[in-house]
Amino acid sequence: MASEGTLTGTYSPTGEGKFFFIMMAAFAELERDMIRERTMAGLAAARAQGRTGGRPTVMNTDTLAAAQARAGNGESPTQIAKALGVSRASVYRHLPTSNP
């Protein structure tokens, strides 16, 4: 049996139990809002310094031009991907005319 004053894991919707859970919910919401504000401020600061997030693209302008030239010569997306060292998905994504 738990002694009086310990948290036993039961919830009573009246009195001190209700107050405790309302306060915990309020603190959790406050903490979540503070995390969001700090995250957004950090992203804005990074953008101001010219940094962007995300994975770098493998299809730069030179690779894209080579892929377009190969597609113009009639090569398949699989052949283009192997020749340029990129995935077929990248070829399909950047060359909409090569989609089946």
PDB file of N, CA and C in Angstrom:
ATOM      1  N   MET A   1       0.835  -1.170   0.000  1.00  0.00           N
ATOM      2  CA  MET A   1       0.000   0.000   0.000  1.00  0.00           C
ATOM      3  C   MET A   1       0.885   1.241   0.000  1.00  0.00           C
ATOM      4  N   ALA A   2       0.551   2.233  -0.815  1.00  0.00           N
ATOM      5  CA  ALA A   2       1.333   3.457  -0.894  1.00  0.00           C
ATOM      6  C   ALA A   2       0.997   4.357   0.279  1.00  0.00           C
ATOM      7  N   SER A   3       2.022   5.064   0.736  1.00  0.00           N
ATOM      8  CA  SER A   3       1.777   5.967   1.851  1.00  0.00           C
ATOM      9  C   SER A   3       1.078   7.220   1.356  1.00  0.00           C
ATOM     10  N   GLU A   4       0.465   7.924   2.277  1.00  0.00           N
ATOM     11  CA  GLU A   4      -0.257   9.132   1.918  1.00  0.00           C
ATOM     12  C   GLU A   4       0.727  10.169   1.393  1.00  0.00           C
ATOM     13  N   GLY A   5       0.361  10.868   0.329  1.00  0.00           N
ATOM     14  CA  GLY A   5       1.218  11.913  -0.204  1.00  0.00           C
ATOM     15  C   GLY A   5       2.105  11.464  -1.350  1.00  0.00           C
ATOM     16  N   THR A   6       2.127  10.193  -1.709  1.00  0.00           N
ATOM     17  CA  THR A   6       2.940   9.750  -2.838  1.00  0.00           C
ATOM     18  C   THR A   6       2.056   9.646  -4.072  1.00  0.00           C
ATOM     19  N   LEU A   7       2.646   9.797  -5.204  1.00  0.00           N
ATOM     20  CA  LEU A   7       1.917   9.686  -6.464  1.00  0.00           C
ATOM     21  C   LEU A   7       1.799   8.206  -6.816  1.00  0.00           C
ATOM     22  N   THR A   8       0.589   7.710  -6.855  1.00  0.00           N
ATOM     23  CA  THR A   8       0.383   6.280  -7.075  1.00  0.00           C
ATOM     24  C   THR A   8       0.020   5.944  -8.501  1.00  0.00           C
ATOM     25  N   GLY A   9      -0.122   6.951  -9.333  1.00  0.00           N
ATOM     26  CA  GLY A   9      -0.462   6.685 -10.719  1.00  0.00           C
ATOM     27  C   GLY A   9      -1.939   6.721 -10.989  1.00  0.00           C
ATOM     28  N   THR A  10      -2.721   7.020  -9.999  1.00  0.00           N
ATOM     29  CA  THR A  10      -4.163   7.140 -10.213  1.00  0.00           C
ATOM     30  C   THR A  10      -4.507   8.600 -10.381  1.00  0.00           C
ATOM     31  N   TYR A  11      -5.574   8.850 -11.070  1.00  0.00           N
ATOM     32  CA  TYR A  11      -6.003  10.217 -11.350  1.00  0.00           C
ATOM     33  C   TYR A  11      -7.366  10.445 -10.742  1.00  0.00           C
ATOM     34  N   SER A  12      -7.452  11.433  -9.878  1.00  0.00           N
ATOM     35  CA  SER A  12      -8.760  11.803  -9.343  1.00  0.00           C
ATOM     36  C   SER A  12      -9.133  13.150  -9.953  1.00  0.00           C
ATOM     37  N   PRO A  13     -10.253  13.239 -10.618  1.00  0.00           N
ATOM     38  CA  PRO A  13     -10.611  14.452 -11.347  1.00  0.00           C
ATOM     39  C   PRO A  13     -11.083  15.594 -10.451  1.00  0.00           C
ATOM     40  N   THR A  14     -10.826  15.518  -9.181  1.00  0.00           N
ATOM     41  CA  THR A  14     -11.251  16.588  -8.287  1.00  0.00           C
ATOM     42  C   THR A  14     -10.084  17.011  -7.413  1.00  0.00           C
ATOM     43  N   GLY A  15     -10.154  18.196  -6.917  1.00  0.00           N
ATOM     44  CA  GLY A  15      -9.212  18.672  -5.921  1.00  0.00           C
ATOM     45  C   GLY A  15      -7.776  18.732  -6.376  1.00  0.00           C
ATOM     46  N   GLU A  16      -6.889  18.248  -5.500  1.00  0.00           N
ATOM     47  CA  GLU A  16      -5.455  18.366  -5.728  1.00  0.00           C
ATOM     48  C   GLU A  16      -4.991  17.585  -6.954  1.00  0.00           C
ATOM     49  N   GLY A  17      -5.609  16.457  -7.222  1.00  0.00           N
ATOM     50  CA  GLY A  17      -5.215  15.673  -8.392  1.00  0.00           C
ATOM     51  C   GLY A  17      -5.466  16.424  -9.684  1.00  0.00           C
ATOM     52  N   LYS A  18      -6.604  17.054  -9.789  1.00  0.00           N
ATOM     53  CA  LYS A  18      -6.943  17.831 -10.980  1.00  0.00           C
ATOM     54  C   LYS A  18      -5.992  19.016 -11.119  1.00  0.00           C
ATOM     55  N   PHE A  19      -5.727  19.705 -10.016  1.00  0.00           N
ATOM     56  CA  PHE A  19      -4.813  20.843 -10.041  1.00  0.00           C
ATOM     57  C   PHE A  19      -3.423  20.413 -10.489  1.00  0.00           C
ATOM     58  N   PHE A  20      -2.929  19.281  -9.972  1.00  0.00           N
ATOM     59  CA  PHE A  20      -1.600  18.788 -10.319  1.00  0.00           C
ATOM     60  C   PHE A  20      -1.479  18.524 -11.821  1.00  0.00           C
ATOM     61  N   PHE A  21      -2.445  17.828 -12.379  1.00  0.00           N
ATOM     62  CA  PHE A  21      -2.366  17.499 -13.801  1.00  0.00           C
ATOM     63  C   PHE A  21      -2.559  18.714 -14.689  1.00  0.00           C
ATOM     64  N   ILE A  22      -3.371  19.669 -14.275  1.00  0.00           N
ATOM     65  CA  ILE A  22      -3.524  20.907 -15.043  1.00  0.00           C
ATOM     66  C   ILE A  22      -2.205  21.676 -15.043  1.00  0.00           C
ATOM     67  N   MET A  23      -1.539  21.733 -13.896  1.00  0.00           N
ATOM     68  CA  MET A  23      -0.260  22.434 -13.816  1.00  0.00           C
ATOM     69  C   MET A  23       0.809  21.730 -14.666  1.00  0.00           C
ATOM     70  N   MET A  24       0.831  20.410 -14.634  1.00  0.00           N
ATOM     71  CA  MET A  24       1.811  19.681 -15.449  1.00  0.00           C
ATOM     72  C   MET A  24       1.556  19.920 -16.944  1.00  0.00           C
ATOM     73  N   ALA A  25       0.294  19.949 -17.331  1.00  0.00           N
ATOM     74  CA  ALA A  25      -0.037  20.213 -18.737  1.00  0.00           C
ATOM     75  C   ALA A  25       0.374  21.627 -19.130  1.00  0.00           C
ATOM     76  N   ALA A  26       0.164  22.591 -18.229  1.00  0.00           N
ATOM     77  CA  ALA A  26       0.545  23.969 -18.522  1.00  0.00           C
ATOM     78  C   ALA A  26       2.061  24.098 -18.663  1.00  0.00           C
ATOM     79  N   PHE A  27       2.822  23.449 -17.780  1.00  0.00           N
ATOM     80  CA  PHE A  27       4.281  23.498 -17.887  1.00  0.00           C
ATOM     81  C   PHE A  27       4.775  22.815 -19.162  1.00  0.00           C
ATOM     82  N   ALA A  28       4.158  21.721 -19.526  1.00  0.00           N
ATOM     83  CA  ALA A  28       4.548  21.029 -20.753  1.00  0.00           C
ATOM     84  C   ALA A  28       4.278  21.895 -21.975  1.00  0.00           C
ATOM     85  N   GLU A  29       3.151  22.567 -21.980  1.00  0.00           N
ATOM     86  CA  GLU A  29       2.808  23.443 -23.114  1.00  0.00           C
ATOM     87  C   GLU A  29       3.771  24.629 -23.176  1.00  0.00           C
ATOM     88  N   LEU A  30       4.102  25.207 -22.029  1.00  0.00           N
ATOM     89  CA  LEU A  30       5.046  26.316 -21.983  1.00  0.00           C
ATOM     90  C   LEU A  30       6.411  25.878 -22.504  1.00  0.00           C
ATOM     91  N   GLU A  31       6.885  24.724 -22.073  1.00  0.00           N
ATOM     92  CA  GLU A  31       8.182  24.223 -22.515  1.00  0.00           C
ATOM     93  C   GLU A  31       8.184  23.970 -24.022  1.00  0.00           C
ATOM     94  N   ARG A  32       7.105  23.416 -24.539  1.00  0.00           N
ATOM     95  CA  ARG A  32       7.006  23.160 -25.978  1.00  0.00           C
ATOM     96  C   ARG A  32       7.048  24.459 -26.764  1.00  0.00           C
ATOM     97  N   ASP A  33       6.353  25.486 -26.279  1.00  0.00           N
ATOM     98  CA  ASP A  33       6.367  26.788 -26.954  1.00  0.00           C
ATOM     99  C   ASP A  33       7.765  27.404 -26.929  1.00  0.00           C
ATOM    100  N   MET A  34       8.468  27.261 -25.813  1.00  0.00           N
ATOM    101  CA  MET A  34       9.827  27.808 -25.725  1.00  0.00           C
ATOM    102  C   MET A  34      10.774  27.074 -26.666  1.00  0.00           C
ATOM    103  N   ILE A  35      10.640  25.765 -26.768  1.00  0.00           N
ATOM    104  CA  ILE A  35      11.471  24.991 -27.704  1.00  0.00           C
ATOM    105  C   ILE A  35      11.219  25.444 -29.131  1.00  0.00           C
ATOM    106  N   ARG A  36       9.950  25.633 -29.477  1.00  0.00           N
ATOM    107  CA  ARG A  36       9.603  26.064 -30.838  1.00  0.00           C
ATOM    108  C   ARG A  36      10.184  27.437 -31.135  1.00  0.00           C
ATOM    109  N   GLU A  37      10.075  28.377 -30.189  1.00  0.00           N
ATOM    110  CA  GLU A  37      10.618  29.718 -30.400  1.00  0.00           C
ATOM    111  C   GLU A  37      12.131  29.676 -30.589  1.00  0.00           C
ATOM    112  N   ARG A  38      12.834  28.881 -29.786  1.00  0.00           N
ATOM    113  CA  ARG A  38      14.293  28.776 -29.920  1.00  0.00           C
ATOM    114  C   ARG A  38      14.676  28.139 -31.251  1.00  0.00           C
ATOM    115  N   THR A  39      13.919  27.148 -31.672  1.00  0.00           N
ATOM    116  CA  THR A  39      14.207  26.491 -32.944  1.00  0.00           C
ATOM    117  C   THR A  39      14.022  27.461 -34.102  1.00  0.00           C
ATOM    118  N   MET A  40      12.909  28.192 -34.088  1.00  0.00           N
ATOM    119  CA  MET A  40      12.639  29.142 -35.172  1.00  0.00           C
ATOM    120  C   MET A  40      13.684  30.259 -35.191  1.00  0.00           C
ATOM    121  N   ALA A  41      14.113  30.726 -34.020  1.00  0.00           N
ATOM    122  CA  ALA A  41      15.142  31.765 -33.960  1.00  0.00           C
ATOM    123  C   ALA A  41      16.470  31.242 -34.507  1.00  0.00           C
ATOM    124  N   GLY A  42      16.801  30.002 -34.186  1.00  0.00           N
ATOM    125  CA  GLY A  42      18.029  29.404 -34.701  1.00  0.00           C
ATOM    126  C   GLY A  42      18.002  29.241 -36.204  1.00  0.00           C
ATOM    127  N   LEU A  43      16.867  28.811 -36.748  1.00  0.00           N
ATOM    128  CA  LEU A  43      16.741  28.666 -38.209  1.00  0.00           C
ATOM    129  C   LEU A  43      16.833  30.015 -38.903  1.00  0.00           C
ATOM    130  N   ALA A  44      16.214  31.040 -38.310  1.00  0.00           N
ATOM    131  CA  ALA A  44      16.275  32.385 -38.897  1.00  0.00           C
ATOM    132  C   ALA A  44      17.708  32.913 -38.878  1.00  0.00           C
ATOM    133  N   ALA A  45      18.437  32.669 -37.789  1.00  0.00           N
ATOM    134  CA  ALA A  45      19.827  33.113 -37.707  1.00  0.00           C
ATOM    135  C   ALA A  45      20.688  32.389 -38.742  1.00  0.00           C
ATOM    136  N   ALA A  46      20.456  31.111 -38.930  1.00  0.00           N
ATOM    137  CA  ALA A  46      21.215  30.353 -39.928  1.00  0.00           C
ATOM    138  C   ALA A  46      20.923  30.866 -41.334  1.00  0.00           C
ATOM    139  N   ARG A  47      19.646  31.143 -41.624  1.00  0.00           N
ATOM    140  CA  ARG A  47      19.294  31.691 -42.939  1.00  0.00           C
ATOM    141  C   ARG A  47      19.947  33.057 -43.154  1.00  0.00           C
ATOM    142  N   ALA A  48      20.019  33.880 -42.096  1.00  0.00           N
ATOM    143  CA  ALA A  48      20.641  35.198 -42.211  1.00  0.00           C
ATOM    144  C   ALA A  48      22.122  35.078 -42.528  1.00  0.00           C
ATOM    145  N   GLN A  49      22.757  33.989 -42.111  1.00  0.00           N
ATOM    146  CA  GLN A  49      24.167  33.758 -42.407  1.00  0.00           C
ATOM    147  C   GLN A  49      24.364  33.036 -43.737  1.00  0.00           C
ATOM    148  N   GLY A  50      23.266  32.779 -44.448  1.00  0.00           N
ATOM    149  CA  GLY A  50      23.365  32.155 -45.753  1.00  0.00           C
ATOM    150  C   GLY A  50      23.372  30.645 -45.741  1.00  0.00           C
ATOM    151  N   ARG A  51      23.121  30.043 -44.593  1.00  0.00           N
ATOM    152  CA  ARG A  51      23.098  28.580 -44.515  1.00  0.00           C
ATOM    153  C   ARG A  51      21.679  28.075 -44.701  1.00  0.00           C
ATOM    154  N   THR A  52      21.555  26.973 -45.394  1.00  0.00           N
ATOM    155  CA  THR A  52      20.255  26.333 -45.561  1.00  0.00           C
ATOM    156  C   THR A  52      20.379  24.887 -45.113  1.00  0.00           C
ATOM    157  N   GLY A  53      19.294  24.344 -44.632  1.00  0.00           N
ATOM    158  CA  GLY A  53      19.308  22.964 -44.176  1.00  0.00           C
ATOM    159  C   GLY A  53      18.968  22.011 -45.300  1.00  0.00           C
ATOM    160  N   GLY A  54      18.967  20.759 -44.966  1.00  0.00           N
ATOM    161  CA  GLY A  54      18.580  19.754 -45.940  1.00  0.00           C
ATOM    162  C   GLY A  54      19.769  19.081 -46.597  1.00  0.00           C
ATOM    163  N   ARG A  55      19.451  18.056 -47.320  1.00  0.00           N
ATOM    164  CA  ARG A  55      20.475  17.278 -47.993  1.00  0.00           C
ATOM    165  C   ARG A  55      20.879  17.977 -49.288  1.00  0.00           C
ATOM    166  N   PRO A  56      22.169  18.035 -49.590  1.00  0.00           N
ATOM    167  CA  PRO A  56      22.593  18.682 -50.842  1.00  0.00           C
ATOM    168  C   PRO A  56      22.149  17.867 -52.057  1.00  0.00           C
ATOM    169  N   THR A  57      21.848  18.564 -53.129  1.00  0.00           N
ATOM    170  CA  THR A  57      21.389  17.895 -54.335  1.00  0.00           C
ATOM    171  C   THR A  57      22.564  17.307 -55.106  1.00  0.00           C
ATOM    172  N   VAL A  58      22.331  16.204 -55.778  1.00  0.00           N
ATOM    173  CA  VAL A  58      23.392  15.594 -56.587  1.00  0.00           C
ATOM    174  C   VAL A  58      23.334  16.104 -58.021  1.00  0.00           C
ATOM    175  N   MET A  59      22.223  16.716 -58.388  1.00  0.00           N
ATOM    176  CA  MET A  59      22.054  17.208 -59.757  1.00  0.00           C
ATOM    177  C   MET A  59      22.345  18.710 -59.803  1.00  0.00           C
ATOM    178  N   ASN A  60      23.638  19.061 -59.963  1.00  0.00           N
ATOM    179  CA  ASN A  60      23.978  20.467 -60.153  1.00  0.00           C
ATOM    180  C   ASN A  60      23.747  20.826 -61.617  1.00  0.00           C
ATOM    181  N   THR A  61      24.061  22.040 -62.000  1.00  0.00           N
ATOM    182  CA  THR A  61      23.761  22.485 -63.366  1.00  0.00           C
ATOM    183  C   THR A  61      24.528  21.683 -64.418  1.00  0.00           C
ATOM    184  N   ASP A  62      25.783  21.330 -64.108  1.00  0.00           N
ATOM    185  CA  ASP A  62      26.576  20.553 -65.077  1.00  0.00           C
ATOM    186  C   ASP A  62      26.008  19.144 -65.258  1.00  0.00           C
ATOM    187  N   THR A  63      25.670  18.492 -64.140  1.00  0.00           N
ATOM    188  CA  THR A  63      25.119  17.141 -64.206  1.00  0.00           C
ATOM    189  C   THR A  63      23.771  17.149 -64.913  1.00  0.00           C
ATOM    190  N   LEU A  64      22.966  18.169 -64.624  1.00  0.00           N
ATOM    191  CA  LEU A  64      21.652  18.267 -65.260  1.00  0.00           C
ATOM    192  C   LEU A  64      21.795  18.472 -66.771  1.00  0.00           C
ATOM    193  N   ALA A  65      22.736  19.309 -67.168  1.00  0.00           N
ATOM    194  CA  ALA A  65      22.959  19.530 -68.605  1.00  0.00           C
ATOM    195  C   ALA A  65      23.409  18.237 -69.283  1.00  0.00           C
ATOM    196  N   ALA A  66      24.293  17.491 -68.626  1.00  0.00           N
ATOM    197  CA  ALA A  66      24.753  16.220 -69.193  1.00  0.00           C
ATOM    198  C   ALA A  66      23.598  15.230 -69.289  1.00  0.00           C
ATOM    199  N   ALA A  67      22.743  15.198 -68.279  1.00  0.00           N
ATOM    200  CA  ALA A  67      21.593  14.287 -68.297  1.00  0.00           C
ATOM    201  C   ALA A  67      20.632  14.662 -69.412  1.00  0.00           C
ATOM    202  N   GLN A  68      20.415  15.953 -69.597  1.00  0.00           N
ATOM    203  CA  GLN A  68      19.516  16.394 -70.669  1.00  0.00           C
ATOM    204  C   GLN A  68      20.089  16.049 -72.035  1.00  0.00           C
ATOM    205  N   ALA A  69      21.398  16.211 -72.195  1.00  0.00           N
ATOM    206  CA  ALA A  69      22.031  15.880 -73.472  1.00  0.00           C
ATOM    207  C   ALA A  69      21.922  14.383 -73.748  1.00  0.00           C
ATOM    208  N   ARG A  70      22.156  13.564 -72.739  1.00  0.00           N
ATOM    209  CA  ARG A  70      22.055  12.116 -72.918  1.00  0.00           C
ATOM    210  C   ARG A  70      20.609  11.707 -73.215  1.00  0.00           C
ATOM    211  N   ALA A  71      19.661  12.353 -72.557  1.00  0.00           N
ATOM    212  CA  ALA A  71      18.255  12.044 -72.826  1.00  0.00           C
ATOM    213  C   ALA A  71      17.902  12.437 -74.256  1.00  0.00           C
ATOM    214  N   GLY A  72      18.483  13.546 -74.709  1.00  0.00           N
ATOM    215  CA  GLY A  72      18.257  13.969 -76.094  1.00  0.00           C
ATOM    216  C   GLY A  72      18.831  13.001 -77.100  1.00  0.00           C
ATOM    217  N   ASN A  73      19.865  12.275 -76.704  1.00  0.00           N
ATOM    218  CA  ASN A  73      20.482  11.266 -77.578  1.00  0.00           C
ATOM    219  C   ASN A  73      19.754   9.934 -77.516  1.00  0.00           C
ATOM    220  N   GLY A  74      18.712   9.861 -76.708  1.00  0.00           N
ATOM    221  CA  GLY A  74      17.899   8.655 -76.665  1.00  0.00           C
ATOM    222  C   GLY A  74      18.295   7.638 -75.609  1.00  0.00           C
ATOM    223  N   GLU A  75      19.183   8.005 -74.688  1.00  0.00           N
ATOM    224  CA  GLU A  75      19.560   7.063 -73.639  1.00  0.00           C
ATOM    225  C   GLU A  75      18.421   6.914 -72.639  1.00  0.00           C
ATOM    226  N   SER A  76      18.335   5.739 -72.036  1.00  0.00           N
ATOM    227  CA  SER A  76      17.290   5.491 -71.039  1.00  0.00           C
ATOM    228  C   SER A  76      17.691   6.131 -69.712  1.00  0.00           C
ATOM    229  N   PRO A  77      16.724   6.384 -68.848  1.00  0.00           N
ATOM    230  CA  PRO A  77      17.053   6.939 -67.532  1.00  0.00           C
ATOM    231  C   PRO A  77      18.031   6.061 -66.743  1.00  0.00           C
ATOM    232  N   THR A  78      17.934   4.747 -66.892  1.00  0.00           N
ATOM    233  CA  THR A  78      18.856   3.852 -66.201  1.00  0.00           C
ATOM    234  C   THR A  78      20.273   4.052 -66.713  1.00  0.00           C
ATOM    235  N   GLN A  79      20.438   4.155 -68.022  1.00  0.00           N
ATOM    236  CA  GLN A  79      21.760   4.377 -68.597  1.00  0.00           C
ATOM    237  C   GLN A  79      22.333   5.728 -68.166  1.00  0.00           C
ATOM    238  N   ILE A  80      21.481   6.750 -68.153  1.00  0.00           N
ATOM    239  CA  ILE A  80      21.916   8.088 -67.747  1.00  0.00           C
ATOM    240  C   ILE A  80      22.376   8.065 -66.289  1.00  0.00           C
ATOM    241  N   ALA A  81      21.597   7.424 -65.430  1.00  0.00           N
ATOM    242  CA  ALA A  81      21.927   7.366 -64.003  1.00  0.00           C
ATOM    243  C   ALA A  81      23.265   6.663 -63.777  1.00  0.00           C
ATOM    244  N   LYS A  82      23.481   5.543 -64.468  1.00  0.00           N
ATOM    245  CA  LYS A  82      24.743   4.813 -64.306  1.00  0.00           C
ATOM    246  C   LYS A  82      25.918   5.642 -64.801  1.00  0.00           C
ATOM    247  N   ALA A  83      25.754   6.309 -65.933  1.00  0.00           N
ATOM    248  CA  ALA A  83      26.845   7.090 -66.514  1.00  0.00           C
ATOM    249  C   ALA A  83      27.214   8.289 -65.640  1.00  0.00           C
ATOM    250  N   LEU A  84      26.216   8.902 -64.993  1.00  0.00           N
ATOM    251  CA  LEU A  84      26.479  10.103 -64.199  1.00  0.00           C
ATOM    252  C   LEU A  84      26.712   9.810 -62.726  1.00  0.00           C
ATOM    253  N   GLY A  85      26.485   8.580 -62.306  1.00  0.00           N
ATOM    254  CA  GLY A  85      26.708   8.225 -60.909  1.00  0.00           C
ATOM    255  C   GLY A  85      25.647   8.761 -59.961  1.00  0.00           C
ATOM    256  N   VAL A  86      24.412   8.846 -60.456  1.00  0.00           N
ATOM    257  CA  VAL A  86      23.294   9.285 -59.623  1.00  0.00           C
ATOM    258  C   VAL A  86      22.222   8.201 -59.654  1.00  0.00           C
ATOM    259  N   SER A  87      21.215   8.346 -58.827  1.00  0.00           N
ATOM    260  CA  SER A  87      20.154   7.345 -58.805  1.00  0.00           C
ATOM    261  C   SER A  87      19.169   7.597 -59.954  1.00  0.00           C
ATOM    262  N   ARG A  88      18.448   6.533 -60.304  1.00  0.00           N
ATOM    263  CA  ARG A  88      17.408   6.687 -61.328  1.00  0.00           C
ATOM    264  C   ARG A  88      16.342   7.667 -60.868  1.00  0.00           C
ATOM    265  N   ALA A  89      16.037   7.652 -59.563  1.00  0.00           N
ATOM    266  CA  ALA A  89      15.024   8.565 -59.034  1.00  0.00           C
ATOM    267  C   ALA A  89      15.422  10.017 -59.273  1.00  0.00           C
ATOM    268  N   SER A  90      16.714  10.325 -59.138  1.00  0.00           N
ATOM    269  CA  SER A  90      17.180  11.689 -59.397  1.00  0.00           C
ATOM    270  C   SER A  90      16.987  12.052 -60.862  1.00  0.00           C
ATOM    271  N   VAL A  91      17.264  11.109 -61.740  1.00  0.00           N
ATOM    272  CA  VAL A  91      17.079  11.369 -63.172  1.00  0.00           C
ATOM    273  C   VAL A  91      15.606  11.616 -63.473  1.00  0.00           C
ATOM    274  N   TYR A  92      14.731  10.765 -62.956  1.00  0.00           N
ATOM    275  CA  TYR A  92      13.298  10.941 -63.178  1.00  0.00           C
ATOM    276  C   TYR A  92      12.803  12.254 -62.582  1.00  0.00           C
ATOM    277  N   ARG A  93      13.325  12.622 -61.411  1.00  0.00           N
ATOM    278  CA  ARG A  93      12.879  13.836 -60.735  1.00  0.00           C
ATOM    279  C   ARG A  93      13.260  15.089 -61.514  1.00  0.00           C
ATOM    280  N   HIS A  94      14.448  15.091 -62.103  1.00  0.00           N
ATOM    281  CA  HIS A  94      14.939  16.288 -62.770  1.00  0.00           C
ATOM    282  C   HIS A  94      14.691  16.334 -64.274  1.00  0.00           C
ATOM    283  N   LEU A  95      14.340  15.197 -64.842  1.00  0.00           N
ATOM    284  CA  LEU A  95      14.029  15.164 -66.270  1.00  0.00           C
ATOM    285  C   LEU A  95      12.586  14.674 -66.442  1.00  0.00           C
ATOM    286  N   PRO A  96      11.627  15.568 -66.345  1.00  0.00           N
ATOM    287  CA  PRO A  96      10.229  15.130 -66.424  1.00  0.00           C
ATOM    288  C   PRO A  96       9.856  14.510 -67.772  1.00  0.00           C
ATOM    289  N   THR A  97      10.628  14.817 -68.807  1.00  0.00           N
ATOM    290  CA  THR A  97      10.314  14.229 -70.114  1.00  0.00           C
ATOM    291  C   THR A  97      10.688  12.759 -70.177  1.00  0.00           C
ATOM    292  N   SER A  98      11.542  12.301 -69.239  1.00  0.00           N
ATOM    293  CA  SER A  98      11.958  10.910 -69.259  1.00  0.00           C
ATOM    294  C   SER A  98      11.020  10.011 -68.452  1.00  0.00           C
ATOM    295  N   ASN A  99       9.999  10.599 -67.821  1.00  0.00           N
ATOM    296  CA  ASN A  99       9.048   9.784 -67.051  1.00  0.00           C
ATOM    297  C   ASN A  99       8.247   8.911 -67.996  1.00  0.00           C
ATOM    298  N   PRO A 100       8.046   7.614 -67.617  1.00  0.00           N
ATOM    299  CA  PRO A 100       7.300   6.718 -68.508  1.00  0.00           C
ATOM    300  C   PRO A 100       5.825   7.038 -68.551  1.00  0.00           C
TER     301      PRO A 100
END
